[in-house]
């Protein structure tokens, strides 16, 4: 409906967004822009508008939300999310990579069935 379309395209502050949609399709406090805009616009959002590429606290909250669902679909999404995080870790800046790795190690210990990052 037009109301749903308007709701999905509302204005957001840069601090309420992140670029990366990891874990895919799960949002807790911040909205992901990656699935709504072409990849070519990433530098505009991250460099010009100062949207974070990824936010460690948001990623951990999203992983915890997925882990709390206790379903086969959520478990599959969680496995895919850790694979996507591996790809993200390979491309992000060293400081962010280390923060994300440290947070993920702690988070994985709280998520049953996950072996680690």
PDB file of N, CA and C in Angstrom:
ATOM      1  N   UNK A   1       0.836  -1.186   0.000  1.00  0.00           N
ATOM      2  CA  UNK A   1       0.000   0.000   0.000  1.00  0.00           C
ATOM      3  C   UNK A   1       0.874   1.241   0.000  1.00  0.00           C
ATOM      4  N   UNK A   2       0.286   2.376  -0.282  1.00  0.00           N
ATOM      5  CA  UNK A   2       1.055   3.623  -0.320  1.00  0.00           C
ATOM      6  C   UNK A   2       1.558   4.005   1.066  1.00  0.00           C
ATOM      7  N   UNK A   3       0.814   3.646   2.131  1.00  0.00           N
ATOM      8  CA  UNK A   3       1.279   3.929   3.490  1.00  0.00           C
ATOM      9  C   UNK A   3       2.552   3.159   3.811  1.00  0.00           C
ATOM     10  N   UNK A   4       2.617   1.890   3.391  1.00  0.00           N
ATOM     11  CA  UNK A   4       3.813   1.084   3.613  1.00  0.00           C
ATOM     12  C   UNK A   4       4.990   1.649   2.844  1.00  0.00           C
ATOM     13  N   UNK A   5       4.763   2.078   1.621  1.00  0.00           N
ATOM     14  CA  UNK A   5       5.817   2.658   0.815  1.00  0.00           C
ATOM     15  C   UNK A   5       6.345   3.926   1.469  1.00  0.00           C
ATOM     16  N   UNK A   6       5.476   4.781   1.938  1.00  0.00           N
ATOM     17  CA  UNK A   6       5.900   6.008   2.604  1.00  0.00           C
ATOM     18  C   UNK A   6       6.658   5.705   3.886  1.00  0.00           C
ATOM     19  N   UNK A   7       6.211   4.722   4.641  1.00  0.00           N
ATOM     20  CA  UNK A   7       6.881   4.363   5.891  1.00  0.00           C
ATOM     21  C   UNK A   7       8.290   3.843   5.632  1.00  0.00           C
ATOM     22  N   UNK A   8       8.480   3.113   4.547  1.00  0.00           N
ATOM     23  CA  UNK A   8       9.797   2.559   4.256  1.00  0.00           C
ATOM     24  C   UNK A   8      10.750   3.596   3.670  1.00  0.00           C
ATOM     25  N   UNK A   9      10.238   4.733   3.251  1.00  0.00           N
ATOM     26  CA  UNK A   9      11.068   5.778   2.656  1.00  0.00           C
ATOM     27  C   UNK A   9      11.015   7.071   3.462  1.00  0.00           C
ATOM     28  N   UNK A  10      10.971   6.956   4.763  1.00  0.00           N
ATOM     29  CA  UNK A  10      10.950   8.157   5.586  1.00  0.00           C
ATOM     30  C   UNK A  10      12.372   8.683   5.775  1.00  0.00           C
ATOM     31  N   UNK A  11      12.482   9.948   6.085  1.00  0.00           N
ATOM     32  CA  UNK A  11      13.774  10.574   6.325  1.00  0.00           C
ATOM     33  C   UNK A  11      14.364  10.049   7.617  1.00  0.00           C
ATOM     34  N   UNK A  12      15.664   9.810   7.598  1.00  0.00           N
ATOM     35  CA  UNK A  12      16.377   9.356   8.789  1.00  0.00           C
ATOM     36  C   UNK A  12      17.654  10.172   8.941  1.00  0.00           C
ATOM     37  N   UNK A  13      18.080  10.336  10.177  1.00  0.00           N
ATOM     38  CA  UNK A  13      19.359  10.999  10.428  1.00  0.00           C
ATOM     39  C   UNK A  13      20.484  10.007  10.142  1.00  0.00           C
ATOM     40  N   UNK A  14      21.648  10.518   9.780  1.00  0.00           N
ATOM     41  CA  UNK A  14      22.795   9.649   9.484  1.00  0.00           C
ATOM     42  C   UNK A  14      23.124   8.750  10.670  1.00  0.00           C
ATOM     43  N   UNK A  15      22.974   9.259  11.884  1.00  0.00           N
ATOM     44  CA  UNK A  15      23.289   8.462  13.073  1.00  0.00           C
ATOM     45  C   UNK A  15      22.275   7.349  13.316  1.00  0.00           C
ATOM     46  N   UNK A  16      21.160   7.350  12.613  1.00  0.00           N
ATOM     47  CA  UNK A  16      20.144   6.305  12.735  1.00  0.00           C
ATOM     48  C   UNK A  16      20.260   5.258  11.632  1.00  0.00           C
ATOM     49  N   UNK A  17      21.339   5.339  10.849  1.00  0.00           N
ATOM     50  CA  UNK A  17      21.526   4.439   9.710  1.00  0.00           C
ATOM     51  C   UNK A  17      22.915   3.816   9.738  1.00  0.00           C
ATOM     52  N   UNK A  18      23.042   2.692   9.058  1.00  0.00           N
ATOM     53  CA  UNK A  18      24.335   2.120   8.701  1.00  0.00           C
ATOM     54  C   UNK A  18      24.232   1.682   7.247  1.00  0.00           C
ATOM     55  N   UNK A  19      25.351   1.565   6.593  1.00  0.00           N
ATOM     56  CA  UNK A  19      25.314   1.138   5.203  1.00  0.00           C
ATOM     57  C   UNK A  19      25.045  -0.361   5.097  1.00  0.00           C
ATOM     58  N   UNK A  20      25.851  -1.171   5.767  1.00  0.00           N
ATOM     59  CA  UNK A  20      25.803  -2.626   5.598  1.00  0.00           C
ATOM     60  C   UNK A  20      24.539  -3.242   6.176  1.00  0.00           C
ATOM     61  N   UNK A  21      24.003  -4.174   5.441  1.00  0.00           N
ATOM     62  CA  UNK A  21      22.802  -4.884   5.880  1.00  0.00           C
ATOM     63  C   UNK A  21      23.211  -6.260   6.404  1.00  0.00           C
ATOM     64  N   UNK A  22      23.920  -6.243   7.535  1.00  0.00           N
ATOM     65  CA  UNK A  22      24.408  -7.469   8.157  1.00  0.00           C
ATOM     66  C   UNK A  22      23.980  -7.466   9.609  1.00  0.00           C
ATOM     67  N   UNK A  23      23.317  -8.506  10.054  1.00  0.00           N
ATOM     68  CA  UNK A  23      22.671  -9.585   9.333  1.00  0.00           C
ATOM     69  C   UNK A  23      21.550  -9.069   8.427  1.00  0.00           C
ATOM     70  N   UNK A  24      21.408  -9.710   7.308  1.00  0.00           N
ATOM     71  CA  UNK A  24      20.470  -9.308   6.270  1.00  0.00           C
ATOM     72  C   UNK A  24      19.034  -9.285   6.790  1.00  0.00           C
ATOM     73  N   UNK A  25      18.384  -8.165   6.540  1.00  0.00           N
ATOM     74  CA  UNK A  25      16.956  -8.052   6.810  1.00  0.00           C
ATOM     75  C   UNK A  25      16.569  -7.877   8.269  1.00  0.00           C
ATOM     76  N   UNK A  26      17.536  -7.739   9.166  1.00  0.00           N
ATOM     77  CA  UNK A  26      17.241  -7.558  10.586  1.00  0.00           C
ATOM     78  C   UNK A  26      17.694  -6.162  10.978  1.00  0.00           C
ATOM     79  N   UNK A  27      16.808  -5.399  11.568  1.00  0.00           N
ATOM     80  CA  UNK A  27      17.158  -4.066  12.059  1.00  0.00           C
ATOM     81  C   UNK A  27      16.678  -3.946  13.498  1.00  0.00           C
ATOM     82  N   UNK A  28      17.545  -3.429  14.358  1.00  0.00           N
ATOM     83  CA  UNK A  28      17.179  -3.259  15.760  1.00  0.00           C
ATOM     84  C   UNK A  28      16.980  -1.774  16.054  1.00  0.00           C
ATOM     85  N   UNK A  29      18.055  -1.003  16.032  1.00  0.00           N
ATOM     86  CA  UNK A  29      17.945   0.438  16.297  1.00  0.00           C
ATOM     87  C   UNK A  29      18.289   1.296  15.084  1.00  0.00           C
ATOM     88  N   UNK A  30      19.059   0.745  14.159  1.00  0.00           N
ATOM     89  CA  UNK A  30      19.514   1.526  13.014  1.00  0.00           C
ATOM     90  C   UNK A  30      19.055   0.865  11.714  1.00  0.00           C
ATOM     91  N   UNK A  31      18.749   1.681  10.735  1.00  0.00           N
ATOM     92  CA  UNK A  31      18.278   1.193   9.431  1.00  0.00           C
ATOM     93  C   UNK A  31      19.457   0.964   8.497  1.00  0.00           C
ATOM     94  N   UNK A  32      19.405  -0.123   7.746  1.00  0.00           N
ATOM     95  CA  UNK A  32      20.431  -0.420   6.741  1.00  0.00           C
ATOM     96  C   UNK A  32      20.055   0.227   5.423  1.00  0.00           C
ATOM     97  N   UNK A  33      21.040   0.810   4.774  1.00  0.00           N
ATOM     98  CA  UNK A  33      20.800   1.469   3.494  1.00  0.00           C
ATOM     99  C   UNK A  33      21.199   0.599   2.305  1.00  0.00           C
ATOM    100  N   UNK A  34      22.055  -0.375   2.529  1.00  0.00           N
ATOM    101  CA  UNK A  34      22.622  -1.189   1.456  1.00  0.00           C
ATOM    102  C   UNK A  34      21.563  -1.837   0.579  1.00  0.00           C
ATOM    103  N   UNK A  35      20.489  -2.308   1.156  1.00  0.00           N
ATOM    104  CA  UNK A  35      19.482  -2.999   0.344  1.00  0.00           C
ATOM    105  C   UNK A  35      18.520  -2.035  -0.344  1.00  0.00           C
ATOM    106  N   UNK A  36      18.583  -0.754   0.019  1.00  0.00           N
ATOM    107  CA  UNK A  36      17.668   0.227  -0.568  1.00  0.00           C
ATOM    108  C   UNK A  36      18.298   1.092  -1.650  1.00  0.00           C
ATOM    109  N   UNK A  37      19.630   1.101  -1.724  1.00  0.00           N
ATOM    110  CA  UNK A  37      20.321   1.977  -2.665  1.00  0.00           C
ATOM    111  C   UNK A  37      21.381   1.206  -3.435  1.00  0.00           C
ATOM    112  N   UNK A  38      21.690   1.640  -4.660  1.00  0.00           N
ATOM    113  CA  UNK A  38      22.733   0.979  -5.448  1.00  0.00           C
ATOM    114  C   UNK A  38      24.095   1.082  -4.759  1.00  0.00           C
ATOM    115  N   UNK A  39      24.926   0.065  -4.956  1.00  0.00           N
ATOM    116  CA  UNK A  39      26.253   0.023  -4.330  1.00  0.00           C
ATOM    117  C   UNK A  39      27.096   1.241  -4.690  1.00  0.00           C
ATOM    118  N   UNK A  40      26.867   1.810  -5.851  1.00  0.00           N
ATOM    119  CA  UNK A  40      27.615   2.995  -6.274  1.00  0.00           C
ATOM    120  C   UNK A  40      27.373   4.220  -5.396  1.00  0.00           C
ATOM    121  N   UNK A  41      26.307   4.213  -4.625  1.00  0.00           N
ATOM    122  CA  UNK A  41      26.019   5.337  -3.736  1.00  0.00           C
ATOM    123  C   UNK A  41      26.661   5.195  -2.352  1.00  0.00           C
ATOM    124  N   UNK A  42      27.296   4.052  -2.109  1.00  0.00           N
ATOM    125  CA  UNK A  42      27.929   3.843  -0.804  1.00  0.00           C
ATOM    126  C   UNK A  42      28.894   4.972  -0.437  1.00  0.00           C
ATOM    127  N   UNK A  43      29.815   5.389  -1.333  1.00  0.00           N
ATOM    128  CA  UNK A  43      30.722   6.487  -0.962  1.00  0.00           C
ATOM    129  C   UNK A  43      29.985   7.788  -0.619  1.00  0.00           C
ATOM    130  N   UNK A  44      28.893   8.045  -1.299  1.00  0.00           N
ATOM    131  CA  UNK A  44      28.109   9.242  -0.984  1.00  0.00           C
ATOM    132  C   UNK A  44      27.591   9.176   0.449  1.00  0.00           C
ATOM    133  N   UNK A  45      26.996   8.030   0.809  1.00  0.00           N
ATOM    134  CA  UNK A  45      26.441   7.906   2.156  1.00  0.00           C
ATOM    135  C   UNK A  45      27.529   7.856   3.224  1.00  0.00           C
ATOM    136  N   UNK A  46      28.586   7.069   2.993  1.00  0.00           N
ATOM    137  CA  UNK A  46      29.593   6.886   4.032  1.00  0.00           C
ATOM    138  C   UNK A  46      30.599   8.035   4.105  1.00  0.00           C
ATOM    139  N   UNK A  47      30.971   8.604   2.980  1.00  0.00           N
ATOM    140  CA  UNK A  47      31.961   9.682   2.982  1.00  0.00           C
ATOM    141  C   UNK A  47      31.335  11.063   3.115  1.00  0.00           C
ATOM    142  N   UNK A  48      30.310  11.325   2.332  1.00  0.00           N
ATOM    143  CA  UNK A  48      29.706  12.658   2.323  1.00  0.00           C
ATOM    144  C   UNK A  48      28.734  12.865   3.485  1.00  0.00           C
ATOM    145  N   UNK A  49      27.859  11.914   3.703  1.00  0.00           N
ATOM    146  CA  UNK A  49      26.846  12.055   4.753  1.00  0.00           C
ATOM    147  C   UNK A  49      27.288  11.468   6.091  1.00  0.00           C
ATOM    148  N   UNK A  50      28.449  10.812   6.093  1.00  0.00           N
ATOM    149  CA  UNK A  50      29.040  10.244   7.319  1.00  0.00           C
ATOM    150  C   UNK A  50      28.184   9.159   7.968  1.00  0.00           C
ATOM    151  N   UNK A  51      27.499   8.382   7.149  1.00  0.00           N
ATOM    152  CA  UNK A  51      26.776   7.208   7.642  1.00  0.00           C
ATOM    153  C   UNK A  51      27.825   6.138   7.912  1.00  0.00           C
ATOM    154  N   UNK A  52      27.759   5.488   9.072  1.00  0.00           N
ATOM    155  CA  UNK A  52      28.696   4.410   9.389  1.00  0.00           C
ATOM    156  C   UNK A  52      28.515   3.258   8.419  1.00  0.00           C
ATOM    157  N   UNK A  53      29.628   2.684   7.983  1.00  0.00           N
ATOM    158  CA  UNK A  53      29.527   1.494   7.132  1.00  0.00           C
ATOM    159  C   UNK A  53      28.905   0.351   7.922  1.00  0.00           C
ATOM    160  N   UNK A  54      29.327   0.218   9.152  1.00  0.00           N
ATOM    161  CA  UNK A  54      28.803  -0.805  10.044  1.00  0.00           C
ATOM    162  C   UNK A  54      28.921  -0.266  11.465  1.00  0.00           C
ATOM    163  N   UNK A  55      28.022  -0.671  12.330  1.00  0.00           N
ATOM    164  CA  UNK A  55      28.068  -0.276  13.742  1.00  0.00           C
ATOM    165  C   UNK A  55      28.113  -1.554  14.572  1.00  0.00           C
ATOM    166  N   UNK A  56      29.166  -1.691  15.352  1.00  0.00           N
ATOM    167  CA  UNK A  56      29.400  -2.926  16.102  1.00  0.00           C
ATOM    168  C   UNK A  56      28.222  -3.248  17.012  1.00  0.00           C
ATOM    169  N   UNK A  57      27.727  -2.271  17.744  1.00  0.00           N
ATOM    170  CA  UNK A  57      26.614  -2.535  18.667  1.00  0.00           C
ATOM    171  C   UNK A  57      25.357  -2.974  17.929  1.00  0.00           C
ATOM    172  N   UNK A  58      25.105  -2.384  16.764  1.00  0.00           N
ATOM    173  CA  UNK A  58      23.923  -2.766  15.985  1.00  0.00           C
ATOM    174  C   UNK A  58      24.054  -4.194  15.450  1.00  0.00           C
ATOM    175  N   UNK A  59      25.228  -4.536  14.941  1.00  0.00           N
ATOM    176  CA  UNK A  59      25.433  -5.883  14.416  1.00  0.00           C
ATOM    177  C   UNK A  59      25.236  -6.913  15.526  1.00  0.00           C
ATOM    178  N   UNK A  60      25.796  -6.657  16.699  1.00  0.00           N
ATOM    179  CA  UNK A  60      25.643  -7.600  17.813  1.00  0.00           C
ATOM    180  C   UNK A  60      24.192  -7.703  18.260  1.00  0.00           C
ATOM    181  N   UNK A  61      23.483  -6.576  18.287  1.00  0.00           N
ATOM    182  CA  UNK A  61      22.058  -6.609  18.649  1.00  0.00           C
ATOM    183  C   UNK A  61      21.252  -7.401  17.632  1.00  0.00           C
ATOM    184  N   UNK A  62      21.589  -7.252  16.364  1.00  0.00           N
ATOM    185  CA  UNK A  62      20.900  -7.990  15.310  1.00  0.00           C
ATOM    186  C   UNK A  62      21.164  -9.489  15.425  1.00  0.00           C
ATOM    187  N   UNK A  63      22.414  -9.850  15.696  1.00  0.00           N
ATOM    188  CA  UNK A  63      22.746 -11.263  15.861  1.00  0.00           C
ATOM    189  C   UNK A  63      21.999 -11.853  17.050  1.00  0.00           C
ATOM    190  N   UNK A  64      21.946 -11.113  18.138  1.00  0.00           N
ATOM    191  CA  UNK A  64      21.232 -11.589  19.325  1.00  0.00           C
ATOM    192  C   UNK A  64      19.740 -11.746  19.035  1.00  0.00           C
ATOM    193  N   UNK A  65      19.172 -10.815  18.267  1.00  0.00           N
ATOM    194  CA  UNK A  65      17.751 -10.908  17.906  1.00  0.00           C
ATOM    195  C   UNK A  65      17.503 -12.160  17.068  1.00  0.00           C
ATOM    196  N   UNK A  66      18.390 -12.426  16.118  1.00  0.00           N
ATOM    197  CA  UNK A  66      18.256 -13.638  15.303  1.00  0.00           C
ATOM    198  C   UNK A  66      18.390 -14.886  16.161  1.00  0.00           C
ATOM    199  N   UNK A  67      19.362 -14.889  17.046  1.00  0.00           N
ATOM    200  CA  UNK A  67      19.598 -16.067  17.889  1.00  0.00           C
ATOM    201  C   UNK A  67      18.413 -16.330  18.807  1.00  0.00           C
ATOM    202  N   UNK A  68      17.728 -15.274  19.210  1.00  0.00           N
ATOM    203  CA  UNK A  68      16.601 -15.422  20.115  1.00  0.00           C
ATOM    204  C   UNK A  68      15.345 -15.977  19.463  1.00  0.00           C
ATOM    205  N   UNK A  69      15.318 -16.051  18.139  1.00  0.00           N
ATOM    206  CA  UNK A  69      14.119 -16.528  17.440  1.00  0.00           C
ATOM    207  C   UNK A  69      13.916 -18.032  17.541  1.00  0.00           C
ATOM    208  N   UNK A  70      14.980 -18.793  17.749  1.00  0.00           N
ATOM    209  CA  UNK A  70      14.888 -20.241  17.965  1.00  0.00           C
ATOM    210  C   UNK A  70      14.075 -20.977  16.899  1.00  0.00           C
ATOM    211  N   UNK A  71      14.378 -20.729  15.645  1.00  0.00           N
ATOM    212  CA  UNK A  71      13.723 -21.457  14.559  1.00  0.00           C
ATOM    213  C   UNK A  71      14.780 -21.896  13.555  1.00  0.00           C
ATOM    214  N   UNK A  72      14.426 -22.822  12.704  1.00  0.00           N
ATOM    215  CA  UNK A  72      15.363 -23.285  11.669  1.00  0.00           C
ATOM    216  C   UNK A  72      15.714 -22.159  10.702  1.00  0.00           C
ATOM    217  N   UNK A  73      14.722 -21.350  10.370  1.00  0.00           N
ATOM    218  CA  UNK A  73      14.957 -20.218   9.466  1.00  0.00           C
ATOM    219  C   UNK A  73      15.927 -19.236  10.110  1.00  0.00           C
ATOM    220  N   UNK A  74      15.709 -18.923  11.396  1.00  0.00           N
ATOM    221  CA  UNK A  74      16.598 -17.992  12.104  1.00  0.00           C
ATOM    222  C   UNK A  74      18.009 -18.572  12.201  1.00  0.00           C
ATOM    223  N   UNK A  75      18.114 -19.891  12.444  1.00  0.00           N
ATOM    224  CA  UNK A  75      19.431 -20.528  12.521  1.00  0.00           C
ATOM    225  C   UNK A  75      20.156 -20.446  11.183  1.00  0.00           C
ATOM    226  N   UNK A  76      19.426 -20.658  10.090  1.00  0.00           N
ATOM    227  CA  UNK A  76      20.021 -20.538   8.754  1.00  0.00           C
ATOM    228  C   UNK A  76      20.447 -19.095   8.487  1.00  0.00           C
ATOM    229  N   UNK A  77      19.606 -18.139   8.870  1.00  0.00           N
ATOM    230  CA  UNK A  77      19.955 -16.724   8.708  1.00  0.00           C
ATOM    231  C   UNK A  77      21.183 -16.365   9.532  1.00  0.00           C
ATOM    232  N   UNK A  78      21.288 -16.930  10.724  1.00  0.00           N
ATOM    233  CA  UNK A  78      22.432 -16.676  11.591  1.00  0.00           C
ATOM    234  C   UNK A  78      23.717 -17.204  10.942  1.00  0.00           C
ATOM    235  N   UNK A  79      23.661 -18.403  10.375  1.00  0.00           N
ATOM    236  CA  UNK A  79      24.839 -18.958   9.686  1.00  0.00           C
ATOM    237  C   UNK A  79      25.228 -18.088   8.494  1.00  0.00           C
ATOM    238  N   UNK A  80      24.239 -17.665   7.698  1.00  0.00           N
ATOM    239  CA  UNK A  80      24.526 -16.783   6.559  1.00  0.00           C
ATOM    240  C   UNK A  80      25.094 -15.445   7.033  1.00  0.00           C
ATOM    241  N   UNK A  81      24.597 -14.970   8.153  1.00  0.00           N
ATOM    242  CA  UNK A  81      25.060 -13.688   8.684  1.00  0.00           C
ATOM    243  C   UNK A  81      26.528 -13.748   9.072  1.00  0.00           C
ATOM    244  N   UNK A  82      26.932 -14.861   9.708  1.00  0.00           N
ATOM    245  CA  UNK A  82      28.341 -14.983  10.064  1.00  0.00           C
ATOM    246  C   UNK A  82      29.219 -15.091   8.821  1.00  0.00           C
ATOM    247  N   UNK A  83      28.746 -15.718   7.773  1.00  0.00           N
ATOM    248  CA  UNK A  83      29.500 -15.771   6.517  1.00  0.00           C
ATOM    249  C   UNK A  83      29.616 -14.367   5.921  1.00  0.00           C
ATOM    250  N   UNK A  84      28.519 -13.608   5.939  1.00  0.00           N
ATOM    251  CA  UNK A  84      28.539 -12.231   5.423  1.00  0.00           C
ATOM    252  C   UNK A  84      29.456 -11.353   6.266  1.00  0.00           C
ATOM    253  N   UNK A  85      29.475 -11.590   7.565  1.00  0.00           N
ATOM    254  CA  UNK A  85      30.373 -10.820   8.430  1.00  0.00           C
ATOM    255  C   UNK A  85      31.832 -11.119   8.101  1.00  0.00           C
ATOM    256  N   UNK A  86      32.111 -12.351   7.749  1.00  0.00           N
ATOM    257  CA  UNK A  86      33.472 -12.690   7.332  1.00  0.00           C
ATOM    258  C   UNK A  86      33.884 -11.888   6.112  1.00  0.00           C
ATOM    259  N   UNK A  87      32.980 -11.749   5.154  1.00  0.00           N
ATOM    260  CA  UNK A  87      33.252 -10.938   3.965  1.00  0.00           C
ATOM    261  C   UNK A  87      33.450  -9.472   4.339  1.00  0.00           C
ATOM    262  N   UNK A  88      32.600  -8.980   5.236  1.00  0.00           N
ATOM    263  CA  UNK A  88      32.692  -7.592   5.672  1.00  0.00           C
ATOM    264  C   UNK A  88      34.006  -7.338   6.399  1.00  0.00           C
ATOM    265  N   UNK A  89      34.422  -8.261   7.251  1.00  0.00           N
ATOM    266  CA  UNK A  89      35.674  -8.107   7.986  1.00  0.00           C
ATOM    267  C   UNK A  89      36.866  -8.009   7.042  1.00  0.00           C
ATOM    268  N   UNK A  90      36.777  -8.691   5.916  1.00  0.00           N
ATOM    269  CA  UNK A  90      37.881  -8.680   4.958  1.00  0.00           C
ATOM    270  C   UNK A  90      38.028  -7.330   4.259  1.00  0.00           C
ATOM    271  N   UNK A  91      36.974  -6.519   4.256  1.00  0.00           N
ATOM    272  CA  UNK A  91      37.022  -5.273   3.493  1.00  0.00           C
ATOM    273  C   UNK A  91      37.028  -4.001   4.344  1.00  0.00           C
ATOM    274  N   UNK A  92      36.720  -4.090   5.632  1.00  0.00           N
ATOM    275  CA  UNK A  92      36.627  -2.861   6.426  1.00  0.00           C
ATOM    276  C   UNK A  92      37.982  -2.444   6.990  1.00  0.00           C
ATOM    277  N   UNK A  93      38.054  -1.222   7.480  1.00  0.00           N
ATOM    278  CA  UNK A  93      39.297  -0.667   8.015  1.00  0.00           C
ATOM    279  C   UNK A  93      39.763  -1.466   9.234  1.00  0.00           C
ATOM    280  N   UNK A  94      41.076  -1.468   9.466  1.00  0.00           N
ATOM    281  CA  UNK A  94      41.686  -2.278  10.516  1.00  0.00           C
ATOM    282  C   UNK A  94      41.081  -2.006  11.896  1.00  0.00           C
ATOM    283  N   UNK A  95      40.923  -0.747  12.268  1.00  0.00           N
ATOM    284  CA  UNK A  95      40.388  -0.422  13.592  1.00  0.00           C
ATOM    285  C   UNK A  95      38.974  -0.971  13.769  1.00  0.00           C
ATOM    286  N   UNK A  96      38.128  -0.767  12.772  1.00  0.00           N
ATOM    287  CA  UNK A  96      36.767  -1.290  12.820  1.00  0.00           C
ATOM    288  C   UNK A  96      36.777  -2.819  12.830  1.00  0.00           C
ATOM    289  N   UNK A  97      37.646  -3.399  12.027  1.00  0.00           N
ATOM    290  CA  UNK A  97      37.756  -4.859  11.965  1.00  0.00           C
ATOM    291  C   UNK A  97      38.072  -5.436  13.345  1.00  0.00           C
ATOM    292  N   UNK A  98      39.014  -4.833  14.045  1.00  0.00           N
ATOM    293  CA  UNK A  98      39.391  -5.334  15.368  1.00  0.00           C
ATOM    294  C   UNK A  98      38.260  -5.168  16.380  1.00  0.00           C
ATOM    295  N   UNK A  99      37.566  -4.036  16.335  1.00  0.00           N
ATOM    296  CA  UNK A  99      36.427  -3.815  17.240  1.00  0.00           C
ATOM    297  C   UNK A  99      35.322  -4.831  16.970  1.00  0.00           C
ATOM    298  N   UNK A 100      35.054  -5.051  15.701  1.00  0.00           N
ATOM    299  CA  UNK A 100      34.003  -5.989  15.315  1.00  0.00           C
ATOM    300  C   UNK A 100      34.371  -7.414  15.714  1.00  0.00           C
ATOM    301  N   UNK A 101      35.606  -7.799  15.464  1.00  0.00           N
ATOM    302  CA  UNK A 101      36.051  -9.145  15.859  1.00  0.00           C
ATOM    303  C   UNK A 101      35.931  -9.354  17.363  1.00  0.00           C
ATOM    304  N   UNK A 102      36.386  -8.378  18.152  1.00  0.00           N
ATOM    305  CA  UNK A 102      36.323  -8.503  19.609  1.00  0.00           C
ATOM    306  C   UNK A 102      34.871  -8.623  20.086  1.00  0.00           C
ATOM    307  N   UNK A 103      34.003  -7.788  19.548  1.00  0.00           N
ATOM    308  CA  UNK A 103      32.591  -7.820  19.942  1.00  0.00           C
ATOM    309  C   UNK A 103      31.942  -9.131  19.520  1.00  0.00           C
ATOM    310  N   UNK A 104      32.288  -9.614  18.344  1.00  0.00           N
ATOM    311  CA  UNK A 104      31.701 -10.864  17.859  1.00  0.00           C
ATOM    312  C   UNK A 104      32.155 -12.051  18.695  1.00  0.00           C
ATOM    313  N   UNK A 105      33.402 -12.043  19.127  1.00  0.00           N
ATOM    314  CA  UNK A 105      33.866 -13.135  19.999  1.00  0.00           C
ATOM    315  C   UNK A 105      33.022 -13.189  21.264  1.00  0.00           C
ATOM    316  N   UNK A 106      32.761 -12.027  21.858  1.00  0.00           N
ATOM    317  CA  UNK A 106      31.932 -11.971  23.064  1.00  0.00           C
ATOM    318  C   UNK A 106      30.502 -12.406  22.754  1.00  0.00           C
ATOM    319  N   UNK A 107      29.960 -11.910  21.644  1.00  0.00           N
ATOM    320  CA  UNK A 107      28.571 -12.216  21.273  1.00  0.00           C
ATOM    321  C   UNK A 107      28.393 -13.696  20.985  1.00  0.00           C
ATOM    322  N   UNK A 108      29.352 -14.300  20.297  1.00  0.00           N
ATOM    323  CA  UNK A 108      29.250 -15.700  19.929  1.00  0.00           C
ATOM    324  C   UNK A 108      29.171 -16.568  21.171  1.00  0.00           C
ATOM    325  N   UNK A 109      29.855 -16.179  22.225  1.00  0.00           N
ATOM    326  CA  UNK A 109      29.808 -16.955  23.460  1.00  0.00           C
ATOM    327  C   UNK A 109      28.407 -16.991  24.061  1.00  0.00           C
ATOM    328  N   UNK A 110      27.583 -15.993  23.728  1.00  0.00           N
ATOM    329  CA  UNK A 110      26.228 -15.924  24.256  1.00  0.00           C
ATOM    330  C   UNK A 110      25.194 -16.544  23.325  1.00  0.00           C
ATOM    331  N   UNK A 111      25.600 -16.925  22.127  1.00  0.00           N
ATOM    332  CA  UNK A 111      24.656 -17.472  21.156  1.00  0.00           C
ATOM    333  C   UNK A 111      24.849 -18.976  21.074  1.00  0.00           C
ATOM    334  N   UNK A 112      23.898 -19.760  21.566  1.00  0.00           N
ATOM    335  CA  UNK A 112      24.041 -21.233  21.537  1.00  0.00           C
ATOM    336  C   UNK A 112      24.192 -21.751  20.110  1.00  0.00           C
ATOM    337  N   UNK A 113      25.111 -22.689  19.938  1.00  0.00           N
ATOM    338  CA  UNK A 113      25.280 -23.331  18.645  1.00  0.00           C
ATOM    339  C   UNK A 113      26.227 -22.653  17.698  1.00  0.00           C
ATOM    340  N   UNK A 114      26.798 -21.515  18.079  1.00  0.00           N
ATOM    341  CA  UNK A 114      27.744 -20.833  17.211  1.00  0.00           C
ATOM    342  C   UNK A 114      29.164 -21.174  17.649  1.00  0.00           C
ATOM    343  N   UNK A 115      30.003 -21.465  16.695  1.00  0.00           N
ATOM    344  CA  UNK A 115      31.355 -21.895  16.994  1.00  0.00           C
ATOM    345  C   UNK A 115      32.320 -20.741  17.154  1.00  0.00           C
ATOM    346  N   UNK A 116      32.038 -19.604  16.585  1.00  0.00           N
ATOM    347  CA  UNK A 116      32.942 -18.477  16.725  1.00  0.00           C
ATOM    348  C   UNK A 116      33.303 -17.846  15.411  1.00  0.00           C
ATOM    349  N   UNK A 117      34.026 -16.762  15.534  1.00  0.00           N
ATOM    350  CA  UNK A 117      34.417 -15.992  14.357  1.00  0.00           C
ATOM    351  C   UNK A 117      35.923 -16.050  14.220  1.00  0.00           C
TER     352      UNK A 117
END
